[in-house]
Amino acid sequence: MSAPTLSIVIPAWNEAKTLPATLAALREATDALDCGAEILVVDDGSDDGTASVAEAAGVRVLSGHWRQIAAVRNAGAAATRGRMLVFVDADTIVPAETLARAVEAMRSGAVGGGANVAIDEPAPWAIRLPLWVFMTTYRLLGYAAGCFVFCTREAFEQAGGFDERFYASEEIGLTKRLREFGRFEKVRPPVTTSARKVRLYRPWPLFRQTVSLLLQGPAAWQSREGLGIWYDGRRE
């Protein structure tokens, strides 16, 4: 069997609820492409049936226990074979047009890229403000949001993959390194990610934590401490 051209890596920790919609959208998107594609769910020690949900959807599963998002993404990349890589969060819906434009960008010489991000429902103003600041900063600096990042395998390997010193915002470092090797492109339309963190956390504590992380910068992302949004295990 020939190797797929495109490999989609989905890191997942207790994502049995969100995964079906994400996989359905990706199936629709890959079916519309003119290249072979594989989808890999990297199950990071889930205990809610995430692996079974992925297998029932007909996708391959890699199971392990990393508890560090950059390491999970890197493990997924190492276990796939495509010349083009796409990293998608398990709670993110990728339109077929967005995926097609990412593939087109890489075929036309881009080393990587991302997309703007929308959330799946309105949020309280206390969350909209830091979210706007966060996404505006990413847009102005040209970073790819972590829920949707694409790159060629060659560029990914040259860049050294995701930096496993970081427990969050690992996509920023990868974006910076990829740009050293060529064009980095943002594609449209936006992907849609879940607003569940807004539903699971009270607005003001989430606001304070988000602003604190932005102000502290990279040093704050090299430990799980203070990163409960990503690592405390809350799920709906």
Protein backbone atom coordinates (compact mmCIF):
# COMPACT_ATOMS: atom_id res chain seq x y z
CA MET A 1 0.00 0.00 0.00
CA SER A 2 1.36 3.41 -0.97
CA ALA A 3 2.01 5.96 1.75
CA PRO A 4 -0.65 8.67 2.24
CA THR A 5 0.18 12.16 1.10
CA LEU A 6 -1.52 13.83 4.07
CA SER A 7 -1.39 12.83 7.74
CA ILE A 8 -3.77 14.38 10.27
CA VAL A 9 -2.75 14.07 13.93
CA ILE A 10 -5.33 14.56 16.69
CA PRO A 11 -4.04 14.65 20.30
CA ALA A 12 -6.78 13.46 22.64
CA TRP A 13 -7.22 13.12 26.38
CA ASN A 14 -10.74 12.14 27.49
CA GLU A 15 -12.33 13.50 24.32
CA ALA A 16 -15.03 10.88 23.74
CA LYS A 17 -17.71 13.57 23.62
CA THR A 18 -16.08 16.00 21.19
CA LEU A 19 -14.20 13.56 18.96
CA PRO A 20 -17.10 12.26 16.81
CA ALA A 21 -17.94 15.69 15.36
CA THR A 22 -14.26 16.47 14.76
CA LEU A 23 -13.70 13.17 12.96
CA ALA A 24 -16.88 13.49 10.90
CA ALA A 25 -15.81 16.92 9.65
CA LEU A 26 -12.32 15.65 8.83
CA ARG A 27 -13.72 12.63 6.99
CA GLU A 28 -15.84 14.95 4.86
CA ALA A 29 -12.84 17.22 4.25
CA THR A 30 -10.43 14.42 3.31
CA ASP A 31 -12.99 12.76 1.03
CA ALA A 32 -13.08 15.98 -0.99
CA LEU A 33 -9.30 16.02 -1.50
CA ASP A 34 -7.46 14.54 -4.46
CA CYS A 35 -4.76 12.96 -2.32
CA GLY A 36 -4.52 10.01 0.03
CA ALA A 37 -5.01 10.92 3.68
CA GLU A 38 -4.70 9.19 7.05
CA ILE A 39 -6.13 10.28 10.40
CA LEU A 40 -4.39 9.32 13.63
CA VAL A 41 -5.85 9.89 17.10
CA VAL A 42 -3.12 9.96 19.75
CA ASP A 43 -4.87 8.83 22.93
CA ASP A 44 -2.97 10.21 25.92
CA GLY A 45 -4.13 7.85 28.68
CA SER A 46 -7.87 8.52 28.38
CA ASP A 47 -10.29 6.64 30.64
CA ASP A 48 -13.55 7.67 28.97
CA GLY A 49 -13.51 5.45 25.88
CA THR A 50 -11.77 7.95 23.59
CA ALA A 51 -9.85 5.18 21.81
CA SER A 52 -13.02 3.15 21.24
CA VAL A 53 -14.80 6.19 19.79
CA ALA A 54 -11.93 6.78 17.37
CA GLU A 55 -11.75 3.13 16.34
CA ALA A 56 -15.52 3.02 15.80
CA ALA A 57 -15.09 5.97 13.43
CA GLY A 58 -12.57 3.94 11.45
CA VAL A 59 -9.41 5.85 12.27
CA ARG A 60 -6.13 4.59 13.63
CA VAL A 61 -5.26 5.08 17.31
CA LEU A 62 -1.86 5.44 18.99
CA SER A 63 -2.10 4.97 22.75
CA GLY A 64 0.37 6.11 25.38
CA HIS A 65 0.73 8.22 28.50
CA TRP A 66 2.67 11.41 27.85
CA ARG A 67 0.64 14.08 29.68
CA GLN A 68 2.45 16.76 27.75
CA ILE A 69 0.83 18.15 24.62
CA ALA A 70 4.00 18.78 22.61
CA ALA A 71 5.15 15.20 23.21
CA VAL A 72 1.75 13.87 22.14
CA ARG A 73 1.88 15.84 18.89
CA ASN A 74 5.44 14.68 18.18
CA ALA A 75 4.54 11.05 18.85
CA GLY A 76 1.69 11.34 16.37
CA ALA A 77 3.92 12.85 13.71
CA ALA A 78 6.48 10.06 14.19
CA ALA A 79 3.77 7.40 13.79
CA THR A 80 2.42 8.76 10.49
CA ARG A 81 3.80 8.68 6.95
CA GLY A 82 2.39 11.60 4.98
CA ARG A 83 4.57 14.26 3.35
CA MET A 84 2.15 16.88 4.70
CA LEU A 85 1.14 17.11 8.36
CA VAL A 86 -1.93 18.70 9.94
CA PHE A 87 -2.41 18.92 13.72
CA VAL A 88 -6.03 19.34 14.83
CA ASP A 89 -7.39 19.52 18.38
CA ALA A 90 -10.06 17.00 19.28
CA ASP A 91 -12.66 19.73 19.90
CA THR A 92 -12.09 21.58 16.62
CA ILE A 93 -14.15 21.51 13.42
CA VAL A 94 -12.14 22.01 10.23
CA PRO A 95 -14.15 23.06 7.15
CA ALA A 96 -13.37 21.14 3.96
CA GLU A 97 -12.32 24.38 2.25
CA THR A 98 -9.82 25.18 5.01
CA LEU A 99 -8.15 21.80 4.76
CA ALA A 100 -8.08 22.01 0.96
CA ARG A 101 -6.42 25.43 1.11
CA ALA A 102 -3.84 24.15 3.61
CA VAL A 103 -2.94 21.32 1.22
CA GLU A 104 -2.84 23.76 -1.70
CA ALA A 105 -0.56 26.09 0.27
CA MET A 106 1.92 23.31 1.00
CA ARG A 107 1.81 22.10 -2.60
CA SER A 108 2.59 25.63 -3.78
CA GLY A 109 5.67 25.92 -1.58
CA ALA A 110 4.52 26.99 1.89
CA VAL A 111 6.42 25.23 4.67
CA GLY A 112 3.42 25.52 6.99
CA GLY A 113 0.64 27.66 8.34
CA GLY A 114 -2.60 27.83 10.26
CA ALA A 115 -6.02 29.49 10.26
CA ASN A 116 -8.00 31.99 12.25
CA VAL A 117 -10.22 30.53 14.97
CA ALA A 118 -13.86 30.99 15.88
CA ILE A 119 -15.57 29.56 18.95
CA ASP A 120 -18.75 27.52 18.75
CA GLU A 121 -20.98 29.75 20.87
CA PRO A 122 -21.08 33.28 22.32
CA ALA A 123 -18.94 33.92 25.39
CA PRO A 124 -19.33 36.30 28.37
CA TRP A 125 -17.56 39.63 27.95
CA ALA A 126 -15.04 38.71 30.67
CA ILE A 127 -13.88 35.93 28.35
CA ARG A 128 -14.37 37.71 25.03
CA LEU A 129 -11.83 40.39 25.99
CA PRO A 130 -8.82 38.12 26.74
CA LEU A 131 -9.83 35.86 23.85
CA TRP A 132 -9.84 38.88 21.52
CA VAL A 133 -6.45 40.00 22.86
CA PHE A 134 -5.06 36.49 22.48
CA MET A 135 -6.33 35.95 18.92
CA THR A 136 -5.44 39.48 17.80
CA THR A 137 -1.90 38.98 19.09
CA TYR A 138 -1.65 35.70 17.19
CA ARG A 139 -2.94 37.33 14.00
CA LEU A 140 -0.61 40.32 14.22
CA LEU A 141 2.41 38.12 14.90
CA GLY A 142 1.38 35.57 12.30
CA TYR A 143 1.25 32.61 14.67
CA ALA A 144 -0.83 29.51 14.02
CA ALA A 145 -3.31 28.71 16.80
CA GLY A 146 -2.58 25.30 18.30
CA CYS A 147 -5.96 23.83 17.39
CA PHE A 148 -5.01 23.87 13.68
CA VAL A 149 -1.42 23.82 12.49
CA PHE A 150 -0.11 22.44 9.21
CA CYS A 151 3.38 21.96 7.77
CA THR A 152 5.38 19.77 5.46
CA ARG A 153 7.09 16.85 7.12
CA GLU A 154 10.44 18.05 5.82
CA ALA A 155 10.01 21.45 7.46
CA PHE A 156 8.64 19.88 10.66
CA GLU A 157 11.73 17.70 10.98
CA GLN A 158 14.07 20.59 10.14
CA ALA A 159 12.36 22.65 12.86
CA GLY A 160 12.78 19.84 15.39
CA GLY A 161 9.05 19.32 15.86
CA PHE A 162 7.18 20.78 18.83
CA ASP A 163 9.41 21.87 21.71
CA GLU A 164 8.74 19.43 24.57
CA ARG A 165 9.94 21.90 27.18
CA PHE A 166 6.57 23.64 26.84
CA TYR A 167 3.27 22.43 28.30
CA ALA A 168 1.22 25.01 26.37
CA SER A 169 1.62 27.43 23.45
CA GLU A 170 4.10 25.04 21.86
CA GLU A 171 2.75 26.13 18.47
CA ILE A 172 4.43 29.55 18.87
CA GLY A 173 7.92 28.09 18.89
CA LEU A 174 7.14 25.83 15.96
CA THR A 175 5.74 28.77 13.97
CA LYS A 176 8.90 30.80 14.57
CA ARG A 177 11.18 27.94 13.55
CA LEU A 178 9.16 27.03 10.46
CA ARG A 179 9.44 30.60 9.19
CA GLU A 180 13.20 30.15 9.04
CA PHE A 181 12.72 27.63 6.25
CA GLY A 182 10.18 29.36 4.03
CA ARG A 183 6.69 30.80 3.61
CA PHE A 184 4.21 30.45 6.47
CA GLU A 185 0.61 30.96 5.32
CA LYS A 186 -2.71 31.54 7.10
CA VAL A 187 -5.69 30.08 5.25
CA ARG A 188 -9.45 30.67 5.33
CA PRO A 189 -12.18 30.09 6.35
CA PRO A 190 -11.55 29.85 10.12
CA VAL A 191 -11.75 26.63 12.05
CA THR A 192 -14.25 26.42 14.90
CA THR A 193 -13.14 25.26 18.32
CA SER A 194 -15.16 24.49 21.44
CA ALA A 195 -16.07 27.15 23.99
CA ARG A 196 -16.21 24.50 26.71
CA LYS A 197 -13.57 26.21 28.84
CA VAL A 198 -15.94 29.15 29.06
CA ARG A 199 -18.68 26.79 30.20
CA LEU A 200 -16.47 24.91 32.68
CA TYR A 201 -14.73 27.82 34.43
CA ARG A 202 -16.09 30.93 36.08
CA PRO A 203 -15.33 33.97 33.89
CA TRP A 204 -13.19 36.03 36.27
CA PRO A 205 -10.76 33.26 37.34
CA LEU A 206 -10.37 32.31 33.69
CA PHE A 207 -9.82 35.96 32.77
CA ARG A 208 -7.13 36.38 35.44
CA GLN A 209 -5.38 33.15 34.46
CA THR A 210 -5.38 34.04 30.76
CA VAL A 211 -4.02 37.55 31.35
CA SER A 212 -1.39 36.21 33.77
CA LEU A 213 -0.12 33.73 31.20
CA LEU A 214 0.05 36.41 28.52
CA LEU A 215 2.01 38.73 30.81
CA GLN A 216 4.44 36.08 32.04
CA GLY A 217 5.18 34.78 28.58
CA PRO A 218 7.10 31.60 27.72
CA ALA A 219 8.50 31.00 31.22
CA ALA A 220 4.97 30.32 32.48
CA TRP A 221 4.40 27.61 29.89
CA GLN A 222 7.30 25.36 30.91
CA SER A 223 5.48 23.82 33.87
CA ARG A 224 2.01 22.39 34.45
CA GLU A 225 1.65 24.76 37.41
CA GLY A 226 -0.83 27.46 36.48
CA LEU A 227 -1.97 25.58 33.37
CA GLY A 228 -5.08 23.99 34.83
CA ILE A 229 -7.09 25.06 31.78
CA TRP A 230 -5.20 22.41 29.83
CA TYR A 231 -4.25 19.85 32.46
CA ASP A 232 -6.80 19.68 35.28
CA GLY A 233 -8.94 17.15 33.43
CA ARG A 234 -12.26 19.00 33.51
CA ARG A 235 -14.66 17.77 30.85
CA GLU A 236 -18.35 18.32 30.20
